[in-house]
PDB file of N, CA and C in Angstrom:
ATOM      1  N   UNK A   1     130.568 248.359-140.521  1.00  0.00           N
ATOM      2  CA  UNK A   1     130.131 249.677-139.800  1.00  0.00           C
ATOM      3  C   UNK A   1     130.014 250.233-140.631  1.00  0.00           C
ATOM      4  N   UNK A   2     128.217 251.112-140.511  1.00  0.00           N
ATOM      5  CA  UNK A   2     128.284 251.862-141.362  1.00  0.00           C
ATOM      6  C   UNK A   2     129.023 253.495-140.334  1.00  0.00           C
ATOM      7  N   UNK A   3     129.851 254.199-141.226  1.00  0.00           N
ATOM      8  CA  UNK A   3     130.248 255.151-140.700  1.00  0.00           C
ATOM      9  C   UNK A   3     129.590 256.655-140.880  1.00  0.00           C
ATOM     10  N   UNK A   4     129.319 257.143-139.124  1.00  0.00           N
ATOM     11  CA  UNK A   4     128.033 258.780-139.392  1.00  0.00           C
ATOM     12  C   UNK A   4     128.790 259.894-140.255  1.00  0.00           C
ATOM     13  N   UNK A   5     127.531 260.152-140.597  1.00  0.00           N
ATOM     14  CA  UNK A   5     128.442 261.423-141.889  1.00  0.00           C
ATOM     15  C   UNK A   5     127.480 262.508-141.094  1.00  0.00           C
ATOM     16  N   UNK A   6     129.137 263.613-141.365  1.00  0.00           N
ATOM     17  CA  UNK A   6     128.195 264.805-140.954  1.00  0.00           C
ATOM     18  C   UNK A   6     127.611 265.541-141.443  1.00  0.00           C
ATOM     19  N   UNK A   7     126.967 265.432-142.834  1.00  0.00           N
ATOM     20  CA  UNK A   7     125.609 266.186-143.265  1.00  0.00           C
ATOM     21  C   UNK A   7     124.279 264.989-143.016  1.00  0.00           C
ATOM     22  N   UNK A   8     124.601 264.201-142.264  1.00  0.00           N
ATOM     23  CA  UNK A   8     123.363 262.802-141.453  1.00  0.00           C
ATOM     24  C   UNK A   8     122.820 262.802-142.786  1.00  0.00           C
ATOM     25  N   UNK A   9     123.197 262.173-143.828  1.00  0.00           N
ATOM     26  CA  UNK A   9     122.573 261.399-144.889  1.00  0.00           C
ATOM     27  C   UNK A   9     122.288 260.186-144.747  1.00  0.00           C
ATOM     28  N   UNK A  10     122.320 259.544-143.785  1.00  0.00           N
ATOM     29  CA  UNK A  10     122.149 258.157-143.237  1.00  0.00           C
ATOM     30  C   UNK A  10     121.291 258.021-142.162  1.00  0.00           C
ATOM     31  N   UNK A  11     120.181 259.579-141.810  1.00  0.00           N
ATOM     32  CA  UNK A  11     119.709 258.926-141.003  1.00  0.00           C
ATOM     33  C   UNK A  11     118.590 257.998-140.756  1.00  0.00           C
ATOM     34  N   UNK A  12     118.288 257.411-140.347  1.00  0.00           N
ATOM     35  CA  UNK A  12     116.970 255.902-140.281  1.00  0.00           C
ATOM     36  C   UNK A  12     116.183 256.493-140.694  1.00  0.00           C
ATOM     37  N   UNK A  13     115.411 256.187-141.870  1.00  0.00           N
ATOM     38  CA  UNK A  13     114.368 256.236-142.629  1.00  0.00           C
ATOM     39  C   UNK A  13     113.003 254.888-142.079  1.00  0.00           C
ATOM     40  N   UNK A  14     113.360 254.230-141.825  1.00  0.00           N
ATOM     41  CA  UNK A  14     113.056 252.627-141.496  1.00  0.00           C
ATOM     42  C   UNK A  14     112.474 251.860-140.168  1.00  0.00           C
ATOM     43  N   UNK A  15     111.573 252.159-139.690  1.00  0.00           N
ATOM     44  CA  UNK A  15     111.350 251.608-138.639  1.00  0.00           C
ATOM     45  C   UNK A  15     110.777 250.281-137.992  1.00  0.00           C
ATOM     46  N   UNK A  16     112.329 249.669-137.465  1.00  0.00           N
ATOM     47  CA  UNK A  16     111.659 247.625-137.923  1.00  0.00           C
ATOM     48  C   UNK A  16     110.908 246.879-137.099  1.00  0.00           C
ATOM     49  N   UNK A  17     110.154 248.133-136.279  1.00  0.00           N
ATOM     50  CA  UNK A  17     109.275 247.386-135.269  1.00  0.00           C
ATOM     51  C   UNK A  17     107.754 246.971-135.990  1.00  0.00           C
ATOM     52  N   UNK A  18     107.966 247.894-137.136  1.00  0.00           N
ATOM     53  CA  UNK A  18     107.093 247.862-138.160  1.00  0.00           C
ATOM     54  C   UNK A  18     107.013 247.330-139.599  1.00  0.00           C
ATOM     55  N   UNK A  19     107.811 247.556-139.508  1.00  0.00           N
ATOM     56  CA  UNK A  19     108.845 246.618-141.045  1.00  0.00           C
ATOM     57  C   UNK A  19     108.338 248.105-142.205  1.00  0.00           C
ATOM     58  N   UNK A  20     108.093 249.096-142.008  1.00  0.00           N
ATOM     59  CA  UNK A  20     108.290 249.858-142.510  1.00  0.00           C
ATOM     60  C   UNK A  20     109.476 251.244-143.139  1.00  0.00           C
ATOM     61  N   UNK A  21     109.407 251.710-144.635  1.00  0.00           N
ATOM     62  CA  UNK A  21     110.341 252.894-144.698  1.00  0.00           C
ATOM     63  C   UNK A  21     109.141 253.722-144.948  1.00  0.00           C
ATOM     64  N   UNK A  22     109.493 255.288-144.446  1.00  0.00           N
ATOM     65  CA  UNK A  22     109.233 256.144-144.491  1.00  0.00           C
ATOM     66  C   UNK A  22     109.636 256.959-145.658  1.00  0.00           C
ATOM     67  N   UNK A  23     108.680 257.269-147.308  1.00  0.00           N
ATOM     68  CA  UNK A  23     109.212 258.323-147.936  1.00  0.00           C
ATOM     69  C   UNK A  23     108.319 259.504-147.960  1.00  0.00           C
ATOM     70  N   UNK A  24     108.648 260.421-148.338  1.00  0.00           N
ATOM     71  CA  UNK A  24     107.901 261.542-148.929  1.00  0.00           C
ATOM     72  C   UNK A  24     107.189 261.492-149.732  1.00  0.00           C
ATOM     73  N   UNK A  25     105.442 261.627-149.814  1.00  0.00           N
ATOM     74  CA  UNK A  25     104.283 261.920-150.401  1.00  0.00           C
ATOM     75  C   UNK A  25     104.923 262.538-152.039  1.00  0.00           C
ATOM     76  N   UNK A  26     105.535 264.121-151.508  1.00  0.00           N
ATOM     77  CA  UNK A  26     105.518 264.341-152.749  1.00  0.00           C
ATOM     78  C   UNK A  26     107.162 265.503-152.396  1.00  0.00           C
ATOM     79  N   UNK A  27     107.697 266.054-153.436  1.00  0.00           N
ATOM     80  CA  UNK A  27     108.744 267.141-153.224  1.00  0.00           C
ATOM     81  C   UNK A  27     108.414 268.378-152.441  1.00  0.00           C
ATOM     82  N   UNK A  28     109.204 269.006-151.747  1.00  0.00           N
ATOM     83  CA  UNK A  28     108.751 269.994-150.642  1.00  0.00           C
ATOM     84  C   UNK A  28     109.126 270.980-151.584  1.00  0.00           C
ATOM     85  N   UNK A  29     108.521 272.150-151.537  1.00  0.00           N
ATOM     86  CA  UNK A  29     108.884 273.196-152.410  1.00  0.00           C
ATOM     87  C   UNK A  29     110.405 273.701-152.711  1.00  0.00           C
ATOM     88  N   UNK A  30     111.491 273.094-151.798  1.00  0.00           N
ATOM     89  CA  UNK A  30     113.067 273.470-151.552  1.00  0.00           C
ATOM     90  C   UNK A  30     113.529 272.483-151.783  1.00  0.00           C
ATOM     91  N   UNK A  31     112.980 271.161-152.771  1.00  0.00           N
ATOM     92  CA  UNK A  31     113.648 269.680-153.008  1.00  0.00           C
ATOM     93  C   UNK A  31     114.812 270.387-153.798  1.00  0.00           C
ATOM     94  N   UNK A  32     115.972 269.755-153.574  1.00  0.00           N
ATOM     95  CA  UNK A  32     117.080 269.743-154.151  1.00  0.00           C
ATOM     96  C   UNK A  32     116.673 269.254-155.470  1.00  0.00           C
ATOM     97  N   UNK A  33     116.007 268.466-156.104  1.00  0.00           N
ATOM     98  CA  UNK A  33     115.676 268.296-157.085  1.00  0.00           C
ATOM     99  C   UNK A  33     114.694 268.683-157.997  1.00  0.00           C
ATOM    100  N   UNK A  34     114.237 269.732-157.335  1.00  0.00           N
ATOM    101  CA  UNK A  34     113.731 270.359-158.582  1.00  0.00           C
ATOM    102  C   UNK A  34     114.582 271.780-159.411  1.00  0.00           C
ATOM    103  N   UNK A  35     114.104 272.102-160.172  1.00  0.00           N
ATOM    104  CA  UNK A  35     115.437 273.082-161.111  1.00  0.00           C
ATOM    105  C   UNK A  35     115.682 274.045-160.412  1.00  0.00           C
ATOM    106  N   UNK A  36     116.661 275.003-160.255  1.00  0.00           N
ATOM    107  CA  UNK A  36     117.318 276.355-159.740  1.00  0.00           C
ATOM    108  C   UNK A  36     118.370 276.228-158.543  1.00  0.00           C
ATOM    109  N   UNK A  37     118.664 275.338-158.348  1.00  0.00           N
ATOM    110  CA  UNK A  37     119.202 274.950-156.822  1.00  0.00           C
ATOM    111  C   UNK A  37     119.236 275.803-156.232  1.00  0.00           C
ATOM    112  N   UNK A  38     117.462 275.523-155.628  1.00  0.00           N
ATOM    113  CA  UNK A  38     116.520 276.253-154.198  1.00  0.00           C
ATOM    114  C   UNK A  38     117.129 276.065-153.131  1.00  0.00           C
ATOM    115  N   UNK A  39     118.111 275.350-152.642  1.00  0.00           N
ATOM    116  CA  UNK A  39     118.781 275.498-151.819  1.00  0.00           C
ATOM    117  C   UNK A  39     120.199 275.496-151.980  1.00  0.00           C
ATOM    118  N   UNK A  40     120.206 276.267-153.127  1.00  0.00           N
ATOM    119  CA  UNK A  40     121.930 277.445-152.923  1.00  0.00           C
ATOM    120  C   UNK A  40     123.318 276.217-152.622  1.00  0.00           C
ATOM    121  N   UNK A  41     123.371 274.669-153.152  1.00  0.00           N
ATOM    122  CA  UNK A  41     124.271 273.633-152.987  1.00  0.00           C
ATOM    123  C   UNK A  41     125.489 274.295-153.423  1.00  0.00           C
ATOM    124  N   UNK A  42     126.738 274.245-153.307  1.00  0.00           N
ATOM    125  CA  UNK A  42     127.770 273.955-154.478  1.00  0.00           C
ATOM    126  C   UNK A  42     127.346 273.744-155.444  1.00  0.00           C
ATOM    127  N   UNK A  43     128.350 274.128-156.608  1.00  0.00           N
ATOM    128  CA  UNK A  43     128.230 273.050-157.768  1.00  0.00           C
ATOM    129  C   UNK A  43     128.620 271.822-157.708  1.00  0.00           C
ATOM    130  N   UNK A  44     128.012 270.656-158.130  1.00  0.00           N
ATOM    131  CA  UNK A  44     128.164 269.301-158.284  1.00  0.00           C
ATOM    132  C   UNK A  44     127.973 268.765-157.173  1.00  0.00           C
ATOM    133  N   UNK A  45     127.690 269.366-156.077  1.00  0.00           N
ATOM    134  CA  UNK A  45     127.117 268.403-154.295  1.00  0.00           C
ATOM    135  C   UNK A  45     126.026 267.874-154.952  1.00  0.00           C
ATOM    136  N   UNK A  46     124.601 268.056-155.424  1.00  0.00           N
ATOM    137  CA  UNK A  46     124.162 267.164-155.939  1.00  0.00           C
ATOM    138  C   UNK A  46     124.505 265.872-156.855  1.00  0.00           C
ATOM    139  N   UNK A  47     124.883 266.462-157.889  1.00  0.00           N
ATOM    140  CA  UNK A  47     125.301 264.904-158.181  1.00  0.00           C
ATOM    141  C   UNK A  47     126.116 264.331-157.195  1.00  0.00           C
ATOM    142  N   UNK A  48     127.177 264.821-156.428  1.00  0.00           N
ATOM    143  CA  UNK A  48     128.260 263.805-155.177  1.00  0.00           C
ATOM    144  C   UNK A  48     127.033 263.488-154.291  1.00  0.00           C
ATOM    145  N   UNK A  49     126.058 263.554-153.827  1.00  0.00           N
ATOM    146  CA  UNK A  49     124.915 263.001-153.184  1.00  0.00           C
ATOM    147  C   UNK A  49     124.549 261.805-154.130  1.00  0.00           C
ATOM    148  N   UNK A  50     123.915 262.203-154.918  1.00  0.00           N
ATOM    149  CA  UNK A  50     123.579 261.075-155.248  1.00  0.00           C
ATOM    150  C   UNK A  50     124.828 259.788-156.286  1.00  0.00           C
ATOM    151  N   UNK A  51     125.323 260.486-156.443  1.00  0.00           N
ATOM    152  CA  UNK A  51     126.552 259.377-156.354  1.00  0.00           C
ATOM    153  C   UNK A  51     126.669 258.736-155.730  1.00  0.00           C
ATOM    154  N   UNK A  52     127.234 258.916-154.123  1.00  0.00           N
ATOM    155  CA  UNK A  52     127.201 258.529-152.770  1.00  0.00           C
ATOM    156  C   UNK A  52     125.932 257.481-152.500  1.00  0.00           C
ATOM    157  N   UNK A  53     124.786 258.305-152.553  1.00  0.00           N
ATOM    158  CA  UNK A  53     123.889 257.505-152.086  1.00  0.00           C
ATOM    159  C   UNK A  53     124.009 255.660-152.709  1.00  0.00           C
ATOM    160  N   UNK A  54     124.094 256.040-154.421  1.00  0.00           N
ATOM    161  CA  UNK A  54     124.185 254.894-155.222  1.00  0.00           C
ATOM    162  C   UNK A  54     124.930 253.783-154.428  1.00  0.00           C
ATOM    163  N   UNK A  55     125.985 254.130-154.401  1.00  0.00           N
ATOM    164  CA  UNK A  55     127.241 253.327-154.065  1.00  0.00           C
ATOM    165  C   UNK A  55     126.854 252.834-153.025  1.00  0.00           C
ATOM    166  N   UNK A  56     126.558 253.250-151.912  1.00  0.00           N
ATOM    167  CA  UNK A  56     126.226 252.943-150.709  1.00  0.00           C
ATOM    168  C   UNK A  56     125.119 252.086-150.740  1.00  0.00           C
ATOM    169  N   UNK A  57     123.609 252.265-151.811  1.00  0.00           N
ATOM    170  CA  UNK A  57     123.009 251.459-151.744  1.00  0.00           C
ATOM    171  C   UNK A  57     122.071 252.125-151.050  1.00  0.00           C
ATOM    172  N   UNK A  58     122.291 253.384-151.132  1.00  0.00           N
ATOM    173  CA  UNK A  58     121.700 254.902-149.563  1.00  0.00           C
ATOM    174  C   UNK A  58     120.128 255.106-150.291  1.00  0.00           C
ATOM    175  N   UNK A  59     120.432 256.757-149.902  1.00  0.00           N
ATOM    176  CA  UNK A  59     118.675 257.047-150.299  1.00  0.00           C
ATOM    177  C   UNK A  59     119.214 258.425-149.898  1.00  0.00           C
ATOM    178  N   UNK A  60     118.609 259.696-149.940  1.00  0.00           N
ATOM    179  CA  UNK A  60     118.976 260.822-149.518  1.00  0.00           C
ATOM    180  C   UNK A  60     117.533 261.506-148.836  1.00  0.00           C
ATOM    181  N   UNK A  61     118.155 261.684-147.464  1.00  0.00           N
ATOM    182  CA  UNK A  61     116.620 261.966-146.752  1.00  0.00           C
ATOM    183  C   UNK A  61     115.930 263.110-146.897  1.00  0.00           C
ATOM    184  N   UNK A  62     114.725 263.570-147.386  1.00  0.00           N
ATOM    185  CA  UNK A  62     114.332 265.335-147.328  1.00  0.00           C
ATOM    186  C   UNK A  62     114.806 266.041-146.248  1.00  0.00           C
ATOM    187  N   UNK A  63     115.189 267.049-146.954  1.00  0.00           N
ATOM    188  CA  UNK A  63     116.287 268.550-145.473  1.00  0.00           C
ATOM    189  C   UNK A  63     114.591 268.795-144.818  1.00  0.00           C
ATOM    190  N   UNK A  64     113.865 268.491-145.234  1.00  0.00           N
ATOM    191  CA  UNK A  64     112.431 269.296-144.583  1.00  0.00           C
ATOM    192  C   UNK A  64     112.358 267.804-143.312  1.00  0.00           C
ATOM    193  N   UNK A  65     112.725 266.949-143.614  1.00  0.00           N
ATOM    194  CA  UNK A  65     112.371 266.392-142.324  1.00  0.00           C
ATOM    195  C   UNK A  65     113.905 265.556-141.488  1.00  0.00           C
ATOM    196  N   UNK A  66     114.688 266.442-141.665  1.00  0.00           N
ATOM    197  CA  UNK A  66     116.020 266.353-141.357  1.00  0.00           C
ATOM    198  C   UNK A  66     115.705 266.722-139.614  1.00  0.00           C
ATOM    199  N   UNK A  67     116.183 266.578-138.971  1.00  0.00           N
ATOM    200  CA  UNK A  67     116.269 266.669-137.310  1.00  0.00           C
ATOM    201  C   UNK A  67     114.468 266.512-136.408  1.00  0.00           C
ATOM    202  N   UNK A  68     113.774 265.589-137.682  1.00  0.00           N
ATOM    203  CA  UNK A  68     112.455 265.593-137.154  1.00  0.00           C
ATOM    204  C   UNK A  68     112.405 264.314-136.335  1.00  0.00           C
ATOM    205  N   UNK A  69     111.204 263.236-135.710  1.00  0.00           N
ATOM    206  CA  UNK A  69     111.264 262.268-135.518  1.00  0.00           C
ATOM    207  C   UNK A  69     110.651 261.310-136.605  1.00  0.00           C
ATOM    208  N   UNK A  70     110.828 261.825-137.777  1.00  0.00           N
ATOM    209  CA  UNK A  70     110.159 260.901-138.584  1.00  0.00           C
ATOM    210  C   UNK A  70     110.535 261.479-140.030  1.00  0.00           C
ATOM    211  N   UNK A  71     112.402 261.288-140.018  1.00  0.00           N
ATOM    212  CA  UNK A  71     112.749 261.246-141.534  1.00  0.00           C
ATOM    213  C   UNK A  71     112.915 260.583-142.190  1.00  0.00           C
ATOM    214  N   UNK A  72     112.537 260.892-143.472  1.00  0.00           N
ATOM    215  CA  UNK A  72     112.340 260.551-144.901  1.00  0.00           C
ATOM    216  C   UNK A  72     113.088 260.486-145.623  1.00  0.00           C
ATOM    217  N   UNK A  73     112.651 259.291-146.983  1.00  0.00           N
ATOM    218  CA  UNK A  73     113.609 259.787-148.376  1.00  0.00           C
ATOM    219  C   UNK A  73     113.059 260.440-148.890  1.00  0.00           C
ATOM    220  N   UNK A  74     113.747 261.197-149.560  1.00  0.00           N
ATOM    221  CA  UNK A  74     112.918 261.737-150.379  1.00  0.00           C
ATOM    222  C   UNK A  74     112.040 261.970-151.833  1.00  0.00           C
ATOM    223  N   UNK A  75     111.041 262.530-151.749  1.00  0.00           N
ATOM    224  CA  UNK A  75     110.537 262.129-153.151  1.00  0.00           C
ATOM    225  C   UNK A  75     111.165 262.354-154.514  1.00  0.00           C
ATOM    226  N   UNK A  76     112.443 263.136-154.808  1.00  0.00           N
ATOM    227  CA  UNK A  76     112.702 263.719-155.740  1.00  0.00           C
ATOM    228  C   UNK A  76     113.797 262.301-155.974  1.00  0.00           C
ATOM    229  N   UNK A  77     114.299 262.279-154.687  1.00  0.00           N
ATOM    230  CA  UNK A  77     115.388 260.923-155.170  1.00  0.00           C
ATOM    231  C   UNK A  77     114.588 259.536-155.131  1.00  0.00           C
ATOM    232  N   UNK A  78     113.758 259.047-154.565  1.00  0.00           N
ATOM    233  CA  UNK A  78     112.701 257.833-154.808  1.00  0.00           C
ATOM    234  C   UNK A  78     112.152 258.075-156.001  1.00  0.00           C
ATOM    235  N   UNK A  79     112.599 259.010-156.742  1.00  0.00           N
ATOM    236  CA  UNK A  79     111.747 258.799-158.351  1.00  0.00           C
ATOM    237  C   UNK A  79     112.694 259.179-159.280  1.00  0.00           C
ATOM    238  N   UNK A  80     114.168 259.143-159.075  1.00  0.00           N
ATOM    239  CA  UNK A  80     115.707 259.046-159.921  1.00  0.00           C
ATOM    240  C   UNK A  80     115.813 257.622-159.978  1.00  0.00           C
ATOM    241  N   UNK A  81     115.772 257.397-161.139  1.00  0.00           N
ATOM    242  CA  UNK A  81     115.766 256.328-162.095  1.00  0.00           C
ATOM    243  C   UNK A  81     116.809 255.365-161.711  1.00  0.00           C
ATOM    244  N   UNK A  82     118.303 256.236-161.288  1.00  0.00           N
ATOM    245  CA  UNK A  82     119.084 255.162-160.706  1.00  0.00           C
ATOM    246  C   UNK A  82     119.388 254.515-159.178  1.00  0.00           C
ATOM    247  N   UNK A  83     118.730 256.340-158.727  1.00  0.00           N
ATOM    248  CA  UNK A  83     118.202 255.738-157.411  1.00  0.00           C
ATOM    249  C   UNK A  83     117.827 254.952-156.818  1.00  0.00           C
ATOM    250  N   UNK A  84     116.279 254.868-156.814  1.00  0.00           N
ATOM    251  CA  UNK A  84     115.206 253.626-157.103  1.00  0.00           C
ATOM    252  C   UNK A  84     116.160 252.448-157.431  1.00  0.00           C
ATOM    253  N   UNK A  85     116.372 252.290-158.296  1.00  0.00           N
ATOM    254  CA  UNK A  85     116.962 251.064-157.914  1.00  0.00           C
ATOM    255  C   UNK A  85     118.533 250.565-157.069  1.00  0.00           C
ATOM    256  N   UNK A  86     119.028 251.694-157.146  1.00  0.00           N
ATOM    257  CA  UNK A  86     120.072 251.369-156.000  1.00  0.00           C
ATOM    258  C   UNK A  86     119.756 251.053-154.557  1.00  0.00           C
ATOM    259  N   UNK A  87     119.057 251.728-154.010  1.00  0.00           N
ATOM    260  CA  UNK A  87     118.359 252.165-152.477  1.00  0.00           C
ATOM    261  C   UNK A  87     117.871 250.939-152.134  1.00  0.00           C
ATOM    262  N   UNK A  88     119.015 250.278-150.532  1.00  0.00           N
ATOM    263  CA  UNK A  88     118.337 248.895-150.656  1.00  0.00           C
ATOM    264  C   UNK A  88     116.951 248.833-149.522  1.00  0.00           C
ATOM    265  N   UNK A  89     116.371 250.398-148.998  1.00  0.00           N
ATOM    266  CA  UNK A  89     115.105 250.602-148.525  1.00  0.00           C
ATOM    267  C   UNK A  89     114.155 250.438-149.268  1.00  0.00           C
ATOM    268  N   UNK A  90     114.063 251.203-150.526  1.00  0.00           N
ATOM    269  CA  UNK A  90     113.341 251.480-151.753  1.00  0.00           C
ATOM    270  C   UNK A  90     113.149 249.537-152.795  1.00  0.00           C
ATOM    271  N   UNK A  91     114.421 248.927-152.833  1.00  0.00           N
ATOM    272  CA  UNK A  91     114.139 247.721-152.963  1.00  0.00           C
ATOM    273  C   UNK A  91     113.413 246.726-152.419  1.00  0.00           C
ATOM    274  N   UNK A  92     113.255 246.487-151.261  1.00  0.00           N
ATOM    275  CA  UNK A  92     112.984 246.172-149.909  1.00  0.00           C
ATOM    276  C   UNK A  92     111.737 246.631-149.944  1.00  0.00           C
ATOM    277  N   UNK A  93     111.042 247.934-150.736  1.00  0.00           N
ATOM    278  CA  UNK A  93     109.513 247.888-150.816  1.00  0.00           C
ATOM    279  C   UNK A  93     109.346 247.108-151.545  1.00  0.00           C
ATOM    280  N   UNK A  94     110.114 247.502-152.923  1.00  0.00           N
ATOM    281  CA  UNK A  94     109.484 246.796-154.290  1.00  0.00           C
ATOM    282  C   UNK A  94     109.375 245.345-153.988  1.00  0.00           C
ATOM    283  N   UNK A  95     110.236 244.701-153.386  1.00  0.00           N
ATOM    284  CA  UNK A  95     110.110 242.678-152.636  1.00  0.00           C
ATOM    285  C   UNK A  95     108.976 242.446-152.157  1.00  0.00           C
ATOM    286  N   UNK A  96     108.471 243.910-151.055  1.00  0.00           N
ATOM    287  CA  UNK A  96     107.555 242.860-150.392  1.00  0.00           C
ATOM    288  C   UNK A  96     107.730 242.702-148.635  1.00  0.00           C
ATOM    289  N   UNK A  97     108.766 243.230-148.627  1.00  0.00           N
ATOM    290  CA  UNK A  97     109.123 242.919-147.836  1.00  0.00           C
ATOM    291  C   UNK A  97     109.130 243.933-146.339  1.00  0.00           C
ATOM    292  N   UNK A  98     109.100 244.738-147.174  1.00  0.00           N
ATOM    293  CA  UNK A  98     109.193 246.595-146.604  1.00  0.00           C
ATOM    294  C   UNK A  98     107.376 246.837-146.903  1.00  0.00           C
ATOM    295  N   UNK A  99     107.436 248.036-146.143  1.00  0.00           N
ATOM    296  CA  UNK A  99     105.968 248.667-147.060  1.00  0.00           C
ATOM    297  C   UNK A  99     106.171 250.558-146.449  1.00  0.00           C
ATOM    298  N   UNK A 100     105.063 251.321-147.372  1.00  0.00           N
ATOM    299  CA  UNK A 100     105.818 252.651-146.968  1.00  0.00           C
ATOM    300  C   UNK A 100     104.710 253.214-146.251  1.00  0.00           C
ATOM    301  N   UNK A 101     105.554 254.145-145.206  1.00  0.00           N
ATOM    302  CA  UNK A 101     104.776 254.738-144.476  1.00  0.00           C
ATOM    303  C   UNK A 101     104.796 256.380-145.225  1.00  0.00           C
ATOM    304  N   UNK A 102     104.349 256.816-145.871  1.00  0.00           N
ATOM    305  CA  UNK A 102     104.018 257.888-146.366  1.00  0.00           C
ATOM    306  C   UNK A 102     104.330 258.898-145.361  1.00  0.00           C
ATOM    307  N   UNK A 103     104.893 259.896-145.774  1.00  0.00           N
ATOM    308  CA  UNK A 103     105.769 261.241-144.864  1.00  0.00           C
ATOM    309  C   UNK A 103     105.308 262.463-145.888  1.00  0.00           C
ATOM    310  N   UNK A 104     104.222 263.616-145.458  1.00  0.00           N
ATOM    311  CA  UNK A 104     104.538 264.918-145.857  1.00  0.00           C
ATOM    312  C   UNK A 104     105.371 265.945-145.039  1.00  0.00           C
ATOM    313  N   UNK A 105     105.876 266.679-146.204  1.00  0.00           N
ATOM    314  CA  UNK A 105     107.449 267.367-145.784  1.00  0.00           C
ATOM    315  C   UNK A 105     107.090 268.112-144.687  1.00  0.00           C
ATOM    316  N   UNK A 106     107.284 269.187-143.802  1.00  0.00           N
ATOM    317  CA  UNK A 106     107.511 269.930-142.880  1.00  0.00           C
ATOM    318  C   UNK A 106     106.185 271.121-143.170  1.00  0.00           C
ATOM    319  N   UNK A 107     105.537 271.509-142.510  1.00  0.00           N
ATOM    320  CA  UNK A 107     104.715 272.749-142.993  1.00  0.00           C
ATOM    321  C   UNK A 107     105.124 273.957-143.373  1.00  0.00           C
ATOM    322  N   UNK A 108     106.438 274.145-142.535  1.00  0.00           N
ATOM    323  CA  UNK A 108     107.393 274.685-143.397  1.00  0.00           C
ATOM    324  C   UNK A 108     107.507 274.740-144.332  1.00  0.00           C
ATOM    325  N   UNK A 109     107.900 273.823-145.909  1.00  0.00           N
ATOM    326  CA  UNK A 109     108.014 273.660-146.936  1.00  0.00           C
ATOM    327  C   UNK A 109     106.834 272.984-147.279  1.00  0.00           C
ATOM    328  N   UNK A 110     105.665 273.713-147.364  1.00  0.00           N
ATOM    329  CA  UNK A 110     104.555 272.714-148.473  1.00  0.00           C
ATOM    330  C   UNK A 110     104.653 272.204-149.338  1.00  0.00           C
ATOM    331  N   UNK A 111     104.359 270.249-149.724  1.00  0.00           N
ATOM    332  CA  UNK A 111     104.827 270.004-150.611  1.00  0.00           C
ATOM    333  C   UNK A 111     103.783 270.402-151.915  1.00  0.00           C
ATOM    334  N   UNK A 112     104.803 271.024-153.088  1.00  0.00           N
ATOM    335  CA  UNK A 112     104.185 270.689-154.488  1.00  0.00           C
ATOM    336  C   UNK A 112     103.697 269.377-155.155  1.00  0.00           C
ATOM    337  N   UNK A 113     102.492 269.180-155.395  1.00  0.00           N
ATOM    338  CA  UNK A 113     102.316 268.050-155.699  1.00  0.00           C
ATOM    339  C   UNK A 113     103.874 267.867-157.600  1.00  0.00           C
ATOM    340  N   UNK A 114     104.023 266.617-157.155  1.00  0.00           N
ATOM    341  CA  UNK A 114     104.581 266.507-158.201  1.00  0.00           C
ATOM    342  C   UNK A 114     104.218 265.514-159.201  1.00  0.00           C
ATOM    343  N   UNK A 115     104.428 265.600-160.624  1.00  0.00           N
ATOM    344  CA  UNK A 115     103.722 264.455-161.417  1.00  0.00           C
ATOM    345  C   UNK A 115     104.733 262.955-161.440  1.00  0.00           C
ATOM    346  N   UNK A 116     105.156 262.292-160.808  1.00  0.00           N
ATOM    347  CA  UNK A 116     105.808 260.932-159.925  1.00  0.00           C
ATOM    348  C   UNK A 116     105.475 260.775-159.464  1.00  0.00           C
ATOM    349  N   UNK A 117     104.314 259.105-159.311  1.00  0.00           N
ATOM    350  CA  UNK A 117     104.901 258.526-157.830  1.00  0.00           C
ATOM    351  C   UNK A 117     105.850 258.747-156.758  1.00  0.00           C
ATOM    352  N   UNK A 118     105.771 258.223-155.744  1.00  0.00           N
ATOM    353  CA  UNK A 118     107.101 258.644-155.399  1.00  0.00           C
ATOM    354  C   UNK A 118     108.021 257.254-155.213  1.00  0.00           C
ATOM    355  N   UNK A 119     107.124 256.187-155.674  1.00  0.00           N
ATOM    356  CA  UNK A 119     107.871 254.673-155.818  1.00  0.00           C
ATOM    357  C   UNK A 119     107.207 254.294-156.760  1.00  0.00           C
ATOM    358  N   UNK A 120     108.624 255.191-157.925  1.00  0.00           N
ATOM    359  CA  UNK A 120     108.028 254.053-159.423  1.00  0.00           C
ATOM    360  C   UNK A 120     108.438 252.939-159.805  1.00  0.00           C
ATOM    361  N   UNK A 121     108.232 252.039-160.397  1.00  0.00           N
ATOM    362  CA  UNK A 121     109.031 250.548-160.774  1.00  0.00           C
ATOM    363  C   UNK A 121     110.361 250.939-160.956  1.00  0.00           C
ATOM    364  N   UNK A 122     111.218 249.956-160.516  1.00  0.00           N
ATOM    365  CA  UNK A 122     112.102 249.979-161.153  1.00  0.00           C
ATOM    366  C   UNK A 122     112.773 249.661-162.872  1.00  0.00           C
ATOM    367  N   UNK A 123     114.053 250.056-163.475  1.00  0.00           N
ATOM    368  CA  UNK A 123     113.713 249.725-164.535  1.00  0.00           C
ATOM    369  C   UNK A 123     114.128 248.293-165.000  1.00  0.00           C
ATOM    370  N   UNK A 124     113.604 247.503-166.058  1.00  0.00           N
ATOM    371  CA  UNK A 124     113.753 246.530-166.248  1.00  0.00           C
ATOM    372  C   UNK A 124     115.239 246.256-166.975  1.00  0.00           C
ATOM    373  N   UNK A 125     116.183 245.049-166.567  1.00  0.00           N
ATOM    374  CA  UNK A 125     117.446 244.949-166.594  1.00  0.00           C
ATOM    375  C   UNK A 125     116.927 244.138-168.057  1.00  0.00           C
ATOM    376  N   UNK A 126     117.978 244.104-169.283  1.00  0.00           N
ATOM    377  CA  UNK A 126     117.942 243.323-170.431  1.00  0.00           C
ATOM    378  C   UNK A 126     118.752 243.546-171.129  1.00  0.00           C
ATOM    379  N   UNK A 127     118.859 242.171-171.345  1.00  0.00           N
ATOM    380  CA  UNK A 127     120.532 242.103-172.659  1.00  0.00           C
ATOM    381  C   UNK A 127     120.705 242.921-173.727  1.00  0.00           C
ATOM    382  N   UNK A 128     122.103 243.460-173.126  1.00  0.00           N
ATOM    383  CA  UNK A 128     122.447 244.480-174.756  1.00  0.00           C
ATOM    384  C   UNK A 128     123.082 243.588-175.530  1.00  0.00           C
TER     385      UNK A 128
END
C-alpha cells in the first residue's frame, strides 16, 4: 500500500490508458536542481527528497506541474545519476514498456534549456 504523502511527491505521472509517463522536457526557472536554492528549501530538504525517491524507486514531481492535470517527473531528477537509475517509471521507459509524454513546465515558470537530455542513459553496472 502506498502511503499518501503530505507534500504530494507521489502524484501520478503515468497514464495507464496510453502507457506513457510524463517527464518535463526542461528544468523550470525555479527548479530545485538549479544552483542557489531558488525555492528556499530548508537545509537538507533536497537531499532528503532525493534519498526518499531513490529508496522508494520513485521520482520527484516538478513543482510547476503539481496541482495540474498533468503532473510530470522533474527534468532535474530525471537527469540525476542515481535518481534516473532508481526510478521505476524511468526504468520502464528505458525498457520500452512505457513511452515518454513530454511536458513543458507551466507558463509562470518558463523553462530554461538545460544541457542534459530529460532521460540520459542509466549508468552501466560493472564489477568492482
